[in-house]
Amino acid sequence: MSGEVKPDPIGDRYGLLRVRDLSEYAEALTRVVEQGRRERWVAMLSEAEAYAAAELLGQFAQLDPPGELNQLAASLASRLYSRLGA
């Protein structure tokens, strides 16, 4: 391993590389979610993948309910469950 850090094109595209702490990261992810709500919807996950992601997000959200990232996880889990009709 050379020790070089490869750029993260997805993180760079959504402004996640310039954050300094968890609070800024939560704010950046919230902006990405808001952007996603305005974009045209396309299926990117299978139903099984979406359900598994919703379960994991929900479990993470329960670890520290008042935490900013945890609240975002809860919101995303809720949206996934809603789309799945659960």
Protein backbone atom coordinates (compact mmCIF):
# COMPACT_ATOMS: atom_id res chain seq x y z
CA MET A 1 0.00 0.00 0.00
CA SER A 2 1.41 3.36 -1.00
CA GLY A 3 -0.28 5.43 1.69
CA GLU A 4 -1.89 7.69 -0.89
CA VAL A 5 -5.50 8.55 -0.28
CA LYS A 6 -7.59 8.27 -3.40
CA PRO A 7 -10.18 10.98 -3.87
CA ASP A 8 -13.76 10.00 -3.16
CA PRO A 9 -15.66 11.22 -6.24
CA ILE A 10 -19.07 10.66 -4.64
CA GLY A 11 -18.12 12.39 -1.40
CA ASP A 12 -16.57 15.23 -3.38
CA ARG A 13 -19.66 15.54 -5.59
CA TYR A 14 -21.91 15.97 -2.58
CA GLY A 15 -19.61 18.18 -0.51
CA LEU A 16 -18.82 15.59 2.16
CA LEU A 17 -15.04 15.95 1.96
CA ARG A 18 -14.95 19.49 3.35
CA VAL A 19 -16.67 18.77 6.66
CA ARG A 20 -14.75 19.18 9.92
CA ASP A 21 -16.88 17.33 12.47
CA LEU A 22 -19.95 15.13 12.91
CA SER A 23 -22.28 18.11 13.11
CA GLU A 24 -21.12 19.43 9.74
CA TYR A 25 -21.29 15.90 8.32
CA ALA A 26 -24.92 15.59 9.46
CA GLU A 27 -25.71 18.96 7.87
CA ALA A 28 -24.02 17.94 4.60
CA LEU A 29 -25.90 14.64 4.52
CA THR A 30 -29.16 16.48 5.21
CA ARG A 31 -28.47 18.70 2.18
CA VAL A 32 -27.84 15.58 0.08
CA VAL A 33 -31.15 14.08 1.27
CA GLU A 34 -32.99 17.31 0.42
CA GLN A 35 -31.37 17.31 -3.03
CA GLY A 36 -32.47 13.70 -3.45
CA ARG A 37 -36.07 14.64 -2.69
CA ARG A 38 -36.03 17.12 -5.58
CA GLU A 39 -34.50 14.71 -8.11
CA ARG A 40 -36.52 12.37 -10.21
CA TRP A 41 -36.97 9.04 -8.48
CA VAL A 42 -35.36 5.91 -9.91
CA ALA A 43 -34.99 2.51 -8.35
CA MET A 44 -31.43 2.11 -7.16
CA LEU A 45 -31.92 -0.73 -4.70
CA SER A 46 -33.82 -3.96 -4.79
CA GLU A 47 -36.65 -4.31 -2.31
CA ALA A 48 -34.53 -6.66 -0.17
CA GLU A 49 -31.59 -4.19 -0.17
CA ALA A 50 -33.86 -1.29 0.73
CA TYR A 51 -35.43 -3.26 3.59
CA ALA A 52 -32.01 -4.27 4.94
CA ALA A 53 -30.78 -0.65 4.71
CA ALA A 54 -33.90 0.59 6.52
CA GLU A 55 -33.38 -1.96 9.30
CA LEU A 56 -29.73 -0.98 9.77
CA LEU A 57 -30.55 2.74 9.71
CA GLY A 58 -33.31 2.18 12.25
CA GLN A 59 -30.98 0.26 14.57
CA PHE A 60 -28.36 3.01 14.30
CA ALA A 61 -30.99 5.66 15.02
CA GLN A 62 -31.92 3.93 18.27
CA LEU A 63 -28.35 4.06 19.61
CA ASP A 64 -28.54 7.79 20.35
CA PRO A 65 -31.98 9.17 19.37
CA PRO A 66 -31.12 12.85 20.01
CA GLY A 67 -27.90 12.66 17.94
CA GLU A 68 -27.96 14.53 14.61
CA LEU A 69 -26.74 11.58 12.53
CA ASN A 70 -29.12 9.28 14.37
CA GLN A 71 -32.07 11.56 13.63
CA LEU A 72 -31.06 11.61 9.97
CA ALA A 73 -30.82 7.81 10.02
CA ALA A 74 -34.31 7.62 11.52
CA SER A 75 -35.65 9.93 8.81
CA LEU A 76 -34.04 7.89 6.04
CA ALA A 77 -35.28 4.62 7.54
CA SER A 78 -38.79 6.06 7.71
CA ARG A 79 -38.64 7.17 4.07
CA LEU A 80 -37.41 3.74 2.97
CA TYR A 81 -40.14 1.96 4.93
CA SER A 82 -42.69 4.33 3.42
CA ARG A 83 -41.49 3.58 -0.10
CA LEU A 84 -41.59 -0.13 0.69
CA GLY A 85 -45.17 0.20 1.89
CA ALA A 86 -44.27 -1.00 5.39
